[in-house]
N, C-alpha and C. Protein backbone atom coordinates (compact mmCIF):
# COMPACT_ATOMS: atom_id res chain seq x y z
N MET A 1 1.07 -1.25 -0.19
CA MET A 1 0.06 -0.13 0.14
C MET A 1 1.11 1.59 -0.07
N MET A 2 1.12 2.02 -0.76
CA MET A 2 1.67 3.02 -1.23
C MET A 2 0.90 4.41 -1.16
N MET A 3 1.53 4.97 0.10
CA MET A 3 0.65 6.54 0.19
C MET A 3 1.02 7.30 -1.14
N GLN A 4 -0.42 8.05 -1.38
CA GLN A 4 -0.38 8.75 -3.25
C GLN A 4 0.00 10.06 -2.50
N ILE A 5 0.64 11.15 -3.16
CA ILE A 5 0.96 12.18 -2.57
C ILE A 5 0.84 12.93 -4.20
N THR A 6 0.04 14.43 -3.82
CA THR A 6 -0.22 15.78 -4.84
C THR A 6 1.01 15.88 -5.11
N SER A 7 1.05 16.53 -6.59
CA SER A 7 2.72 17.09 -6.82
C SER A 7 3.19 18.20 -5.90
N ARG A 8 1.79 19.13 -5.37
CA ARG A 8 2.37 20.11 -4.62
C ARG A 8 2.71 19.47 -3.39
N GLU A 9 2.26 18.58 -2.67
CA GLU A 9 3.04 18.14 -1.59
C GLU A 9 4.56 17.40 -2.12
N ARG A 10 4.39 17.07 -2.94
CA ARG A 10 5.76 16.67 -3.53
C ARG A 10 6.57 17.65 -3.50
N LEU A 11 6.25 18.53 -3.97
CA LEU A 11 6.74 19.94 -4.18
C LEU A 11 7.52 20.62 -2.83
N LEU A 12 6.82 20.59 -1.91
CA LEU A 12 6.84 20.85 -0.60
C LEU A 12 7.73 19.95 0.20
N SER A 13 7.61 18.83 -0.23
CA SER A 13 8.46 18.29 0.43
C SER A 13 10.11 17.81 -0.15
N VAL A 14 10.26 18.15 -1.69
CA VAL A 14 11.46 18.32 -1.93
C VAL A 14 12.24 20.15 -1.40
N GLY A 15 11.27 20.69 -1.53
CA GLY A 15 12.09 22.19 -1.01
C GLY A 15 12.23 22.44 0.84
N LEU A 16 11.24 21.21 1.55
CA LEU A 16 11.90 21.31 3.15
C LEU A 16 13.54 20.20 2.63
N VAL A 17 13.09 19.22 1.92
CA VAL A 17 14.46 18.34 1.83
C VAL A 17 15.76 19.66 1.64
N VAL A 18 15.68 20.47 0.65
CA VAL A 18 16.69 21.20 0.00
C VAL A 18 16.89 22.69 1.25
N VAL A 19 15.96 23.10 2.02
CA VAL A 19 15.97 24.02 3.33
C VAL A 19 17.10 23.08 4.17
N LEU A 20 16.78 21.91 4.66
CA LEU A 20 17.56 20.97 5.34
C LEU A 20 18.84 20.82 4.66
N ALA A 21 18.94 20.84 3.64
CA ALA A 21 20.58 20.28 3.08
C ALA A 21 21.39 21.66 3.50
N ALA A 22 20.98 22.55 2.45
CA ALA A 22 21.52 24.38 2.82
C ALA A 22 21.52 24.59 4.22
N TRP A 23 20.51 24.07 5.33
CA TRP A 23 20.77 24.82 6.88
C TRP A 23 22.07 23.85 6.81
N ALA A 24 22.06 22.59 6.77
CA ALA A 24 22.93 21.65 7.36
C ALA A 24 24.40 21.96 6.67
N LEU A 25 24.43 22.43 5.18
CA LEU A 25 26.21 22.42 4.44
C LEU A 25 26.06 24.18 5.70
N TYR A 26 25.54 25.02 5.55
CA TYR A 26 25.62 26.28 6.21
C TYR A 26 26.41 25.64 8.05
N ALA A 27 25.59 25.68 8.51
CA ALA A 27 25.47 24.55 10.34
C ALA A 27 27.27 23.77 10.08
N LEU A 28 27.17 23.13 9.26
CA LEU A 28 28.29 22.28 9.08
C LEU A 28 29.51 22.60 8.33
N ALA A 29 29.75 23.73 7.62
CA ALA A 29 30.68 23.89 6.73
C ALA A 29 31.44 25.78 6.65
N VAL A 30 29.94 26.35 6.37
CA VAL A 30 29.98 27.81 6.42
C VAL A 30 29.86 28.36 7.85
N ARG A 31 29.65 28.46 8.70
CA ARG A 31 29.61 28.71 10.22
C ARG A 31 31.42 28.55 10.37
N PRO A 32 31.27 27.16 10.90
CA PRO A 32 32.78 26.85 10.94
C PRO A 32 34.30 28.11 10.25
N ALA A 33 33.58 27.43 9.06
CA ALA A 33 34.91 28.34 8.10
C ALA A 33 34.79 29.62 8.47
N ARG A 34 33.69 30.48 8.21
CA ARG A 34 33.71 31.65 9.03
C ARG A 34 34.31 32.64 10.62
N ALA A 35 33.54 31.39 11.35
CA ALA A 35 34.32 31.42 12.91
C ALA A 35 35.84 31.57 12.36
N ARG A 36 36.72 30.42 11.74
CA ARG A 36 38.14 30.38 11.53
C ARG A 36 38.78 31.16 11.04
N ILE A 37 38.09 31.82 10.07
CA ILE A 37 38.66 33.00 9.47
C ILE A 37 38.57 34.42 10.33
N ARG A 38 37.36 34.55 11.19
CA ARG A 38 37.76 35.76 12.19
C ARG A 38 38.77 35.65 13.51
N THR A 39 38.93 34.11 13.61
CA THR A 39 39.76 33.56 14.48
C THR A 39 41.51 34.16 13.83
N LEU A 40 41.48 34.00 12.59
CA LEU A 40 42.68 33.98 11.64
C LEU A 40 43.15 35.55 11.69
N GLU A 41 41.61 36.39 11.35
CA GLU A 41 42.18 37.88 11.36
C GLU A 41 42.70 38.65 12.48
N ARG A 42 41.99 37.28 13.71
CA ARG A 42 43.15 38.04 15.01
C ARG A 42 44.18 37.65 15.23
N ILE A 43 44.31 36.52 15.47
CA ILE A 43 45.38 36.03 15.64
C ILE A 43 46.90 36.40 14.77
N ILE A 44 46.61 36.58 13.13
CA ILE A 44 47.63 36.72 12.66
C ILE A 44 48.12 38.13 12.47
N PRO A 45 47.57 39.14 13.14
CA PRO A 45 48.32 40.34 13.60
C PRO A 45 49.58 40.12 14.43
N GLU A 46 49.01 39.29 15.62
CA GLU A 46 49.52 39.43 16.79
C GLU A 46 50.62 38.57 16.62
N LYS A 47 50.85 37.36 16.31
CA LYS A 47 52.01 36.64 15.05
C LYS A 47 52.44 37.10 14.50
N GLN A 48 52.33 38.26 13.53
CA GLN A 48 53.54 39.15 12.74
C GLN A 48 54.11 39.95 13.21
N GLU A 49 53.66 40.59 14.59
CA GLU A 49 53.95 41.34 15.67
C GLU A 49 55.53 40.45 16.30
N GLN A 50 54.51 39.64 17.26
CA GLN A 50 55.84 38.63 17.35
C GLN A 50 56.76 38.77 16.85
N LEU A 51 56.71 37.90 15.24
CA LEU A 51 57.54 37.56 14.78
C LEU A 51 58.91 38.64 14.07
N HIS A 52 57.94 40.58 14.26
CA HIS A 52 58.97 41.34 14.49
C HIS A 52 59.91 41.62 15.14
N ASP A 53 59.07 41.72 16.73
CA ASP A 53 59.62 41.89 18.11
C ASP A 53 61.22 40.36 17.69
N LEU A 54 60.37 39.22 17.52
CA LEU A 54 61.69 38.09 17.50
C LEU A 54 62.68 38.23 16.42
N GLN A 55 62.38 39.14 15.57
CA GLN A 55 64.23 39.54 14.27
C GLN A 55 64.42 40.30 14.64
N ALA A 56 63.82 41.35 15.60
CA ALA A 56 65.10 42.47 16.49
C ALA A 56 65.68 41.82 17.36
N GLN A 57 65.04 40.63 18.16
CA GLN A 57 66.14 40.40 19.20
C GLN A 57 66.93 39.42 18.50
N SER A 58 66.98 38.60 17.68
CA SER A 58 67.76 37.55 16.84
C SER A 58 68.93 39.17 16.18
N VAL A 59 68.93 40.27 15.66
CA VAL A 59 69.64 41.01 15.29
C VAL A 59 70.21 41.29 16.81
N GLN A 60 69.99 41.86 17.88
CA GLN A 60 70.18 42.36 18.88
C GLN A 60 71.34 40.68 19.38
N TYR A 61 70.95 39.70 19.11
CA TYR A 61 71.65 38.50 19.73
C TYR A 61 72.66 38.45 18.73
N THR A 62 72.92 38.66 17.46
CA THR A 62 73.97 38.12 16.47
C THR A 62 74.84 39.71 17.00
N ALA A 63 74.50 40.81 17.12
CA ALA A 63 75.40 41.82 17.77
C ALA A 63 76.21 41.31 18.42
N LEU A 64 75.43 40.85 20.10
CA LEU A 64 76.07 40.79 20.54
C LEU A 64 77.30 39.31 20.90
N ARG A 65 76.54 38.53 19.94
CA ARG A 65 77.54 37.10 19.74
C ARG A 65 78.46 37.50 19.01
N ASN A 66 78.74 38.60 17.96
CA ASN A 66 79.70 39.32 17.28
C ASN A 66 80.93 39.84 18.47
N GLU A 67 79.94 40.87 18.89
CA GLU A 67 81.29 41.19 20.24
C GLU A 67 81.57 40.51 21.37
N PHE A 68 80.62 39.67 21.53
CA PHE A 68 81.52 39.01 22.56
C PHE A 68 83.19 38.17 22.09
N ALA A 69 82.54 37.99 20.52
CA ALA A 69 83.54 37.09 20.07
C ALA A 69 84.68 37.80 19.43
N GLN A 70 84.49 39.12 19.44
CA GLN A 70 85.07 40.31 19.74
C GLN A 70 86.69 40.11 21.27
N VAL A 71 85.38 40.61 21.51
CA VAL A 71 86.27 40.18 22.96
C VAL A 71 86.86 39.28 23.56
N GLN A 72 86.24 37.81 23.07
CA GLN A 72 87.72 36.44 23.57
C GLN A 72 88.28 36.44 22.24
N THR A 73 88.54 37.13 21.54
CA THR A 73 89.81 37.47 20.22
C THR A 73 90.93 38.60 20.91
N GLN A 74 90.22 39.58 21.58
CA GLN A 74 91.05 40.49 22.19
C GLN A 74 91.62 40.11 23.66
N MET A 75 90.35 39.30 23.88
CA MET A 75 91.50 38.52 25.69
C MET A 75 92.60 37.78 25.17
N ALA A 76 92.19 36.57 23.95
CA ALA A 76 93.20 35.99 23.62
C ALA A 76 94.23 36.55 23.44
N ALA A 77 94.64 37.66 22.46
CA ALA A 77 95.24 38.64 21.91
C ALA A 77 96.40 39.38 23.14
N GLN A 78 95.43 39.46 24.19
CA GLN A 78 96.24 40.02 25.30
C GLN A 78 97.34 39.45 26.03
N GLU A 79 97.89 40.37 26.17
CA GLU A 79 99.25 39.72 27.43
C GLU A 79 98.99 39.07 28.20
N PRO A 80 99.16 37.75 28.45
CA PRO A 80 98.61 36.66 29.15
C PRO A 80 99.09 37.37 30.91
N ASP A 81 99.84 37.98 31.27
CA ASP A 81 100.20 38.29 32.39
C ASP A 81 100.19 40.26 32.63
N LEU A 82 99.19 40.35 32.04
CA LEU A 82 99.03 41.90 31.88
C LEU A 82 99.06 42.60 33.45
N GLN A 83 100.01 43.62 33.79
CA GLN A 83 100.05 44.06 34.59
C GLN A 83 99.35 45.46 34.61
N LEU A 84 98.34 45.63 35.37
CA LEU A 84 97.27 46.81 35.26
C LEU A 84 98.01 47.95 35.80
N LEU A 85 98.41 48.25 37.11
CA LEU A 85 99.79 48.92 37.86
C LEU A 85 100.55 49.50 36.92
N PRO A 86 101.55 48.69 36.35
CA PRO A 86 102.25 49.09 35.53
C PRO A 86 101.79 49.90 34.25
N PHE A 87 100.81 49.13 33.51
CA PHE A 87 100.16 49.66 32.32
C PHE A 87 99.82 50.97 32.36
N LEU A 88 98.77 51.39 33.76
CA LEU A 88 98.37 52.63 33.98
C LEU A 88 99.23 53.51 34.65
N GLU A 89 100.28 53.21 35.10
CA GLU A 89 101.61 54.14 35.17
C GLU A 89 102.29 54.94 33.86
N THR A 90 102.45 53.83 33.09
CA THR A 90 103.05 54.16 31.27
C THR A 90 102.19 54.90 31.05
N LEU A 91 100.69 54.47 31.08
CA LEU A 91 100.03 55.57 30.72
C LEU A 91 100.27 57.05 31.03
N SER A 92 99.79 57.19 32.32
CA SER A 92 100.18 58.66 32.71
C SER A 92 101.11 59.38 33.26
N GLU A 93 102.10 58.63 32.44
CA GLU A 93 103.31 59.02 31.84
C GLU A 93 103.29 59.62 30.59
N ARG A 94 102.84 58.76 30.03
CA ARG A 94 102.60 59.55 28.60
C ARG A 94 101.97 59.99 28.16
N HIS A 95 101.17 61.04 29.27
CA HIS A 95 100.18 62.17 29.21
C HIS A 95 100.22 63.42 30.35
N LYS A 96 101.43 62.92 30.52
CA LYS A 96 102.24 63.88 31.87
C LYS A 96 101.00 64.08 32.76
N LEU A 97 100.46 62.74 33.15
CA LEU A 97 99.86 62.46 34.52
C LEU A 97 100.93 62.12 35.88
N SER A 98 101.74 61.61 35.65
CA SER A 98 102.54 61.96 36.93
C SER A 98 102.50 62.43 37.79
N GLY A 99 102.82 63.81 37.81
CA GLY A 99 102.60 64.85 38.59
C GLY A 99 101.79 64.90 39.17
N HIS A 100 100.26 64.68 38.99
CA HIS A 100 99.15 64.60 39.17
C HIS A 100 98.33 63.47 39.67
N VAL A 101 98.90 62.47 40.07
CA VAL A 101 98.46 60.96 40.82
C VAL A 101 98.92 61.61 41.95
N SER A 102 97.63 61.04 43.20
CA SER A 102 97.51 61.34 44.17
C SER A 102 97.94 59.75 44.77
N VAL A 103 96.85 58.66 44.38
CA VAL A 103 96.98 57.93 44.55
C VAL A 103 96.49 57.04 43.32
N MET A 104 97.29 55.86 43.16
CA MET A 104 97.09 54.87 42.29
C MET A 104 96.80 53.49 43.04
N GLU A 105 96.10 52.93 43.58
CA GLU A 105 96.06 51.42 44.08
C GLU A 105 95.04 50.56 43.71
N PRO A 106 95.15 49.38 43.69
CA PRO A 106 93.87 47.99 43.90
C PRO A 106 93.25 48.36 44.61
N ASP A 107 91.52 48.27 44.34
CA ASP A 107 90.74 47.85 44.60
C ASP A 107 90.48 47.34 45.71
N ALA A 108 90.50 47.14 46.88
CA ALA A 108 90.60 46.60 47.52
C ALA A 108 89.19 45.39 47.45
N LEU A 109 88.30 46.16 47.12
CA LEU A 109 86.72 45.37 47.04
C LEU A 109 86.17 44.72 45.59
N GLN A 110 87.75 44.73 44.64
CA GLN A 110 87.53 44.09 43.77
C GLN A 110 87.29 42.51 43.83
N PRO A 111 85.86 42.55 42.65
CA PRO A 111 86.06 41.20 42.48
C PRO A 111 86.73 39.85 42.14
N ARG A 112 86.22 38.88 42.07
CA ARG A 112 87.87 37.98 41.79
C ARG A 112 87.95 37.87 40.26
N SER A 113 87.05 38.33 39.57
CA SER A 113 87.11 38.01 37.91
C SER A 113 87.45 39.19 37.48
N ASP A 114 88.08 39.94 38.27
CA ASP A 114 89.12 41.60 36.90
C ASP A 114 89.60 41.78 38.36
N TYR A 115 90.82 42.64 37.39
CA TYR A 115 91.84 43.81 37.97
C TYR A 115 90.74 44.89 38.10
N ALA A 116 90.88 45.78 39.45
CA ALA A 116 90.18 46.51 39.39
C ALA A 116 91.64 47.80 40.14
N VAL A 117 91.78 49.12 39.67
CA VAL A 117 92.70 50.16 39.86
C VAL A 117 92.01 51.69 40.52
N THR A 118 92.18 51.94 41.33
CA THR A 118 91.86 53.60 41.72
C THR A 118 92.58 54.71 41.42
N ILE A 119 92.52 55.66 41.05
CA ILE A 119 93.58 56.21 40.55
C ILE A 119 92.84 57.88 41.08
N GLU A 120 92.85 59.15 41.96
CA GLU A 120 92.55 59.80 41.94
C GLU A 120 93.99 60.95 41.68
N LEU A 121 93.58 61.53 40.39
CA LEU A 121 93.88 62.86 39.74
C LEU A 121 93.95 64.28 40.53
N HIS A 122 94.80 64.66 40.47
CA HIS A 122 93.99 66.79 40.73
C HIS A 122 95.07 67.42 40.09
N ASP A 123 94.52 68.61 40.38
CA ASP A 123 95.36 69.49 39.33
C ASP A 123 95.55 68.98 37.66
N THR A 124 94.15 68.56 37.38
CA THR A 124 94.79 68.05 35.66
C THR A 124 93.86 69.11 34.77
N SER A 125 93.94 68.82 33.34
CA SER A 125 93.44 69.73 32.67
C SER A 125 92.76 69.09 31.83
N LEU A 126 91.30 69.25 31.57
CA LEU A 126 90.11 68.28 30.58
C LEU A 126 90.51 67.52 29.93
N LYS A 127 91.82 68.64 28.66
CA LYS A 127 92.25 67.64 27.67
C LYS A 127 93.19 66.22 28.60
N GLN A 128 93.57 66.64 28.91
CA GLN A 128 94.67 65.37 29.83
C GLN A 128 93.81 64.34 29.97
N LEU A 129 92.82 65.11 30.86
CA LEU A 129 92.19 63.81 31.32
C LEU A 129 91.00 62.94 30.15
N VAL A 130 90.88 63.43 29.30
CA VAL A 130 90.06 62.55 28.32
C VAL A 130 91.16 61.85 27.63
N ASP A 131 92.28 62.74 26.82
CA ASP A 131 93.28 62.18 26.45
C ASP A 131 93.70 60.52 26.53
N PHE A 132 93.78 60.81 28.18
CA PHE A 132 93.92 59.93 29.03
C PHE A 132 93.02 58.12 29.29
N LEU A 133 91.86 59.37 29.48
CA LEU A 133 90.53 57.69 29.32
C LEU A 133 90.31 57.28 27.74
N SER A 134 91.03 58.23 26.92
CA SER A 134 90.42 57.57 25.39
C SER A 134 91.72 56.35 25.37
N ASP A 135 92.61 56.82 25.30
CA ASP A 135 93.71 55.83 25.48
C ASP A 135 93.58 54.87 26.51
N VAL A 136 92.68 55.00 27.59
CA VAL A 136 92.17 53.49 28.52
C VAL A 136 91.40 52.67 28.11
N GLU A 137 90.67 53.21 27.19
CA GLU A 137 89.24 52.81 26.25
C GLU A 137 90.06 52.05 25.24
N THR A 138 90.73 53.11 24.30
CA THR A 138 91.24 52.23 23.25
C THR A 138 92.40 51.21 22.63
N SER A 139 92.97 51.15 24.33
CA SER A 139 94.04 50.68 24.21
C SER A 139 93.82 48.88 23.77
N LYS A 140 95.09 48.35 22.79
CA LYS A 140 94.43 46.46 22.73
C LYS A 140 94.49 45.75 23.67
N SER A 141 94.70 45.82 25.20
CA SER A 141 94.02 45.28 25.82
C SER A 141 92.81 45.76 26.81
N ILE A 142 92.06 45.00 27.45
CA ILE A 142 91.01 44.98 27.22
C ILE A 142 90.98 45.51 28.95
N VAL A 143 90.64 46.63 28.67
CA VAL A 143 90.73 48.11 29.96
C VAL A 143 89.83 48.60 30.04
N ARG A 144 88.86 48.96 30.47
CA ARG A 144 87.94 49.70 30.59
C ARG A 144 87.78 50.83 32.39
N VAL A 145 87.35 51.77 32.02
CA VAL A 145 86.33 52.74 32.52
C VAL A 145 85.50 52.54 33.46
N GLY A 146 85.60 52.14 35.05
CA GLY A 146 84.61 51.51 35.35
C GLY A 146 83.88 52.39 36.24
N SER A 147 84.21 53.52 36.62
CA SER A 147 83.61 54.23 37.00
C SER A 147 84.38 56.25 37.19
N LEU A 148 84.25 57.29 37.11
CA LEU A 148 84.75 58.42 36.98
C LEU A 148 83.64 59.25 37.71
N HIS A 149 84.69 60.05 38.65
CA HIS A 149 83.60 60.97 39.65
C HIS A 149 85.11 62.03 39.59
N ILE A 150 84.39 63.74 38.78
CA ILE A 150 85.24 64.91 38.52
C ILE A 150 84.50 65.72 39.60
N ARG A 151 85.72 66.55 39.98
CA ARG A 151 85.33 67.78 40.64
C ARG A 151 85.79 68.92 39.85
N LYS A 152 85.81 69.85 40.14
CA LYS A 152 86.54 71.74 40.18
C LYS A 152 87.55 71.48 41.58
N ASN A 153 88.82 71.64 40.15
CA ASN A 153 89.60 72.26 41.59
C ASN A 153 89.25 73.54 42.10
N PRO A 154 89.14 73.59 43.66
CA PRO A 154 88.77 74.45 44.50
C PRO A 154 90.08 75.56 44.55
N LYS A 155 91.04 75.55 44.10
CA LYS A 155 92.70 76.71 44.14
C LYS A 155 92.06 77.19 42.59
N ASN A 156 91.66 76.09 41.56
CA ASN A 156 91.64 76.50 40.19
C ASN A 156 90.55 76.39 38.97
N GLU A 157 89.70 77.25 38.89
CA GLU A 157 88.58 76.54 38.15
C GLU A 157 88.90 76.08 37.05
N VAL A 158 89.81 76.23 36.51
CA VAL A 158 89.98 75.50 34.73
C VAL A 158 90.43 74.25 35.35
N LEU A 159 91.19 74.11 36.14
CA LEU A 159 91.46 72.52 36.38
C LEU A 159 90.68 71.85 37.13
N LEU A 160 90.89 70.28 37.22
CA LEU A 160 90.01 69.23 38.05
C LEU A 160 90.75 68.48 38.27
N ASP A 161 89.46 67.41 39.61
CA ASP A 161 90.78 66.46 40.52
C ASP A 161 89.41 65.94 39.86
N SER A 162 89.73 64.82 39.85
CA SER A 162 89.15 63.36 39.16
C SER A 162 88.88 62.14 40.16
N THR A 163 88.23 61.05 40.71
CA THR A 163 88.74 60.59 40.74
C THR A 163 88.21 58.97 40.08
N VAL A 164 89.18 58.11 39.61
CA VAL A 164 89.04 57.29 38.55
C VAL A 164 88.72 55.33 38.57
N GLY A 165 87.94 55.17 38.88
CA GLY A 165 87.75 53.42 38.53
C GLY A 165 87.98 52.86 37.10
N ILE A 166 89.30 51.87 37.25
CA ILE A 166 89.93 51.25 36.07
C ILE A 166 89.54 49.72 36.44
N ARG A 167 89.11 49.14 35.14
CA ARG A 167 88.96 47.53 35.67
C ARG A 167 89.99 46.82 34.57
N SER A 168 90.06 45.79 34.41
CA SER A 168 90.52 44.42 33.13
C SER A 168 90.56 43.69 33.97
N PRO A 169 89.61 42.61 32.91
CA PRO A 169 89.10 41.26 33.58
C PRO A 169 90.37 40.66 33.70
N LYS A 170 90.56 39.49 34.32
CA LYS A 170 91.79 38.46 34.35
C LYS A 170 91.19 37.20 33.40
N PRO A 171 92.76 37.28 32.43
CA PRO A 171 92.01 36.19 31.18
C PRO A 171 92.53 35.05 31.70
N SER A 172 92.77 34.58 33.10
CA SER A 172 92.22 32.92 33.71
C SER A 172 90.98 32.88 34.05
N THR A 173 90.12 33.24 33.58
CA THR A 173 88.87 33.13 34.15
C THR A 173 88.14 31.94 33.57
N PRO A 174 87.94 30.87 34.23
CA PRO A 174 87.88 29.58 33.17
C PRO A 174 86.63 29.56 32.51
N ALA A 175 85.70 30.56 33.07
CA ALA A 175 84.14 30.69 32.35
C ALA A 175 84.65 30.68 30.74
N LEU A 176 85.20 32.33 30.48
CA LEU A 176 85.77 32.77 29.29
C LEU A 176 86.62 31.74 28.83
N ALA A 177 87.62 31.18 29.35
CA ALA A 177 88.80 30.64 28.26
C ALA A 177 87.67 29.47 27.61
N THR A 178 87.35 28.82 28.45
CA THR A 178 86.00 27.33 27.59
C THR A 178 84.81 27.80 26.80
N GLN A 179 84.19 28.64 27.20
CA GLN A 179 82.88 29.60 26.18
C GLN A 179 83.45 29.01 24.83
N THR A 180 82.40 29.21 23.87
CA THR A 180 82.27 29.12 22.88
C THR A 180 81.30 29.83 21.67
N VAL A 181 81.80 30.58 20.93
CA VAL A 181 80.59 31.27 20.06
C VAL A 181 80.04 30.04 18.94
N PRO A 182 78.82 29.94 19.12
CA PRO A 182 78.48 29.24 18.37
C PRO A 182 77.95 29.71 16.93
């Protein structure tokens, strides 16, 4: 016994099936795709910003790695028995500062990883001080100015009194000797 349906009912049934199929297609394919697109539109700019930050950090890392390699090369070329006090005495003589040095002594609170010397200068011109500090910073040995305190000389306003802290790493530091740059 088969049920007889009119053409109008058949048309309504087919229409209902088409509507249900369209709704299912939208629910199962279109809506998830649109949600994924909205998510990607939000996430892609964040990831691009993170990528730019990572690229900037990569440039910084490369610069630091190259600088570290240069320091290692400079330390390897440095005299292994560099004596900081005689080195600084020679520099002060070269800049005619010997008569202006009131104190030149090793820093009692120096860390184990480097040498430190404190120099007190009096009655020096700005040019003498700048030339001396420039030679310290640009020497082939790894010697750096760690601190600098400048005061006007109370007797002569043109001259300066200063205290300079100078540091040099000890070349036998195991951490630096065994470390390699990738």
